[in-house]
C-alpha atoms as a PDB file:
ATOM      1  CA  UNK A   1      93.757  61.896-135.487  1.00  0.00           C
ATOM      2  CA  UNK A   2      94.565  65.496-134.615  1.00  0.00           C
ATOM      3  CA  UNK A   3      97.237  67.869-135.771  1.00  0.00           C
ATOM      4  CA  UNK A   4      98.747  69.255-132.602  1.00  0.00           C
ATOM      5  CA  UNK A   5      98.090  69.020-128.909  1.00  0.00           C
ATOM      6  CA  UNK A   6      94.721  70.178-127.561  1.00  0.00           C
ATOM      7  CA  UNK A   7      96.060  70.323-124.001  1.00  0.00           C
ATOM      8  CA  UNK A   8      98.386  72.877-122.372  1.00  0.00           C
ATOM      9  CA  UNK A   9     102.142  72.374-122.339  1.00  0.00           C
ATOM     10  CA  UNK A  10     102.968  70.141-119.387  1.00  0.00           C
ATOM     11  CA  UNK A  11     106.721  70.752-119.358  1.00  0.00           C
ATOM     12  CA  UNK A  12     107.553  67.118-118.585  1.00  0.00           C
ATOM     13  CA  UNK A  13     111.124  66.059-119.349  1.00  0.00           C
ATOM     14  CA  UNK A  14     112.302  62.594-120.322  1.00  0.00           C
ATOM     15  CA  UNK A  15     113.244  62.039-116.687  1.00  0.00           C
ATOM     16  CA  UNK A  16     109.754  63.105-115.521  1.00  0.00           C
ATOM     17  CA  UNK A  17     108.114  60.662-117.953  1.00  0.00           C
ATOM     18  CA  UNK A  18     110.362  57.862-116.679  1.00  0.00           C
ATOM     19  CA  UNK A  19     108.837  58.301-113.201  1.00  0.00           C
ATOM     20  CA  UNK A  20     105.363  57.370-114.501  1.00  0.00           C
ATOM     21  CA  UNK A  21     104.793  53.603-114.455  1.00  0.00           C
ATOM     22  CA  UNK A  22     103.438  52.198-117.725  1.00  0.00           C
ATOM     23  CA  UNK A  23      99.951  50.734-117.810  1.00  0.00           C
ATOM     24  CA  UNK A  24      97.919  48.895-120.402  1.00  0.00           C
ATOM     25  CA  UNK A  25      95.778  51.093-122.623  1.00  0.00           C
ATOM     26  CA  UNK A  26      93.398  49.987-125.362  1.00  0.00           C
ATOM     27  CA  UNK A  27      94.533  51.222-128.750  1.00  0.00           C
ATOM     28  CA  UNK A  28      91.017  52.319-129.668  1.00  0.00           C
ATOM     29  CA  UNK A  29      90.996  54.843-126.798  1.00  0.00           C
ATOM     30  CA  UNK A  30      94.056  56.746-128.055  1.00  0.00           C
ATOM     31  CA  UNK A  31      93.990  59.811-130.301  1.00  0.00           C
ATOM     32  CA  UNK A  32      97.275  60.704-131.941  1.00  0.00           C
ATOM     33  CA  UNK A  33      98.522  64.290-131.905  1.00  0.00           C
ATOM     34  CA  UNK A  34     100.699  63.804-134.991  1.00  0.00           C
ATOM     35  CA  UNK A  35      99.351  64.028-138.499  1.00  0.00           C
ATOM     36  CA  UNK A  36     102.294  62.395-140.297  1.00  0.00           C
ATOM     37  CA  UNK A  37     103.933  59.012-139.972  1.00  0.00           C
ATOM     38  CA  UNK A  38     107.553  58.364-140.949  1.00  0.00           C
ATOM     39  CA  UNK A  39     107.711  55.013-142.705  1.00  0.00           C
ATOM     40  CA  UNK A  40     111.407  54.568-141.897  1.00  0.00           C
ATOM     41  CA  UNK A  41     110.657  54.928-138.169  1.00  0.00           C
ATOM     42  CA  UNK A  42     107.787  52.445-138.452  1.00  0.00           C
ATOM     43  CA  UNK A  43     109.986  49.816-140.070  1.00  0.00           C
ATOM     44  CA  UNK A  44     113.136  50.409-138.003  1.00  0.00           C
ATOM     45  CA  UNK A  45     114.158  47.564-135.697  1.00  0.00           C
ATOM     46  CA  UNK A  46     115.809  49.943-133.229  1.00  0.00           C
ATOM     47  CA  UNK A  47     113.271  52.774-133.213  1.00  0.00           C
ATOM     48  CA  UNK A  48     113.329  52.963-129.394  1.00  0.00           C
ATOM     49  CA  UNK A  49     117.094  52.506-129.025  1.00  0.00           C
ATOM     50  CA  UNK A  50     117.647  56.069-127.759  1.00  0.00           C
ATOM     51  CA  UNK A  51     114.191  56.733-126.368  1.00  0.00           C
ATOM     52  CA  UNK A  52     111.646  55.398-123.950  1.00  0.00           C
ATOM     53  CA  UNK A  53     110.394  51.868-124.542  1.00  0.00           C
ATOM     54  CA  UNK A  54     106.864  52.998-123.722  1.00  0.00           C
ATOM     55  CA  UNK A  55     104.730  55.503-125.615  1.00  0.00           C
ATOM     56  CA  UNK A  56     103.617  58.658-123.816  1.00  0.00           C
ATOM     57  CA  UNK A  57      99.976  59.691-123.573  1.00  0.00           C
ATOM     58  CA  UNK A  58      98.270  62.642-121.929  1.00  0.00           C
ATOM     59  CA  UNK A  59      94.802  62.432-120.434  1.00  0.00           C
ATOM     60  CA  UNK A  60      92.998  65.735-120.896  1.00  0.00           C
ATOM     61  CA  UNK A  61      89.269  66.367-120.408  1.00  0.00           C
ATOM     62  CA  UNK A  62      88.633  62.621-120.283  1.00  0.00           C
ATOM     63  CA  UNK A  63      90.359  61.934-123.631  1.00  0.00           C
ATOM     64  CA  UNK A  64      93.626  60.056-124.068  1.00  0.00           C
ATOM     65  CA  UNK A  65      96.087  61.711-126.484  1.00  0.00           C
ATOM     66  CA  UNK A  66      99.111  59.806-127.760  1.00  0.00           C
ATOM     67  CA  UNK A  67     101.913  62.350-127.584  1.00  0.00           C
ATOM     68  CA  UNK A  68     104.840  60.082-128.405  1.00  0.00           C
ATOM     69  CA  UNK A  69     104.899  56.521-129.708  1.00  0.00           C
ATOM     70  CA  UNK A  70     102.520  56.551-132.667  1.00  0.00           C
ATOM     71  CA  UNK A  71     104.855  54.201-134.536  1.00  0.00           C
ATOM     72  CA  UNK A  72     104.820  51.706-131.663  1.00  0.00           C
ATOM     73  CA  UNK A  73     101.033  51.918-131.467  1.00  0.00           C
ATOM     74  CA  UNK A  74     100.692  51.296-135.197  1.00  0.00           C
ATOM     75  CA  UNK A  75     103.066  48.319-135.040  1.00  0.00           C
ATOM     76  CA  UNK A  76     100.946  46.878-132.217  1.00  0.00           C
ATOM     77  CA  UNK A  77      97.773  47.353-134.275  1.00  0.00           C
ATOM     78  CA  UNK A  78      99.382  45.682-137.296  1.00  0.00           C
ATOM     79  CA  UNK A  79     100.248  42.742-135.031  1.00  0.00           C
ATOM     80  CA  UNK A  80      96.545  42.416-134.132  1.00  0.00           C
ATOM     81  CA  UNK A  81      97.105  43.592-130.552  1.00  0.00           C
ATOM     82  CA  UNK A  82      94.336  45.565-128.832  1.00  0.00           C
ATOM     83  CA  UNK A  83      96.403  47.042-125.986  1.00  0.00           C
ATOM     84  CA  UNK A  84      99.846  48.510-125.445  1.00  0.00           C
ATOM     85  CA  UNK A  85     101.762  49.612-122.373  1.00  0.00           C
ATOM     86  CA  UNK A  86     101.799  53.408-122.155  1.00  0.00           C
ATOM     87  CA  UNK A  87     103.032  55.996-119.669  1.00  0.00           C
ATOM     88  CA  UNK A  88      99.991  58.212-119.009  1.00  0.00           C
ATOM     89  CA  UNK A  89     100.239  61.743-117.681  1.00  0.00           C
ATOM     90  CA  UNK A  90      96.843  62.575-116.200  1.00  0.00           C
ATOM     91  CA  UNK A  91      96.581  66.332-116.676  1.00  0.00           C
ATOM     92  CA  UNK A  92      92.987  66.232-115.454  1.00  0.00           C
ATOM     93  CA  UNK A  93      94.176  65.036-112.038  1.00  0.00           C
ATOM     94  CA  UNK A  94      97.133  67.455-111.975  1.00  0.00           C
ATOM     95  CA  UNK A  95      94.926  70.454-112.767  1.00  0.00           C
ATOM     96  CA  UNK A  96      92.451  69.392-110.071  1.00  0.00           C
ATOM     97  CA  UNK A  97      95.279  68.988-107.544  1.00  0.00           C
ATOM     98  CA  UNK A  98      96.613  72.451-108.449  1.00  0.00           C
ATOM     99  CA  UNK A  99      93.154  73.935-107.884  1.00  0.00           C
ATOM    100  CA  UNK A 100      92.916  72.207-104.491  1.00  0.00           C
ATOM    101  CA  UNK A 101      96.320  73.564-103.455  1.00  0.00           C
ATOM    102  CA  UNK A 102      95.347  77.080-104.583  1.00  0.00           C
ATOM    103  CA  UNK A 103      92.120  76.838-102.587  1.00  0.00           C
ATOM    104  CA  UNK A 104      94.027  75.717 -99.472  1.00  0.00           C
ATOM    105  CA  UNK A 105      96.421  78.655 -99.754  1.00  0.00           C
ATOM    106  CA  UNK A 106      93.548  81.163 -99.656  1.00  0.00           C
END
């Protein structure tokens, strides 16, 4: 568990996240970026009513950080599930692609 994001701001909007297909991720590979958990959100039946059905994670320097969806991940763990479907933004790959583009421009 961390308190805050160790990676740079990615600027992704809700619409941008929706373009990333969800994939299965093992719960034990995720590190949360939020220190506090709201019990009412954990117990709510409609906690994803206005949001994305899938949690959001960011891959940065080989680590997977759970940016949004800690309540869904905890519910999955309490249900004895080892994996959840997550939308993963791979910042490692994006930064590498940006470096390649910058090198091509020179």
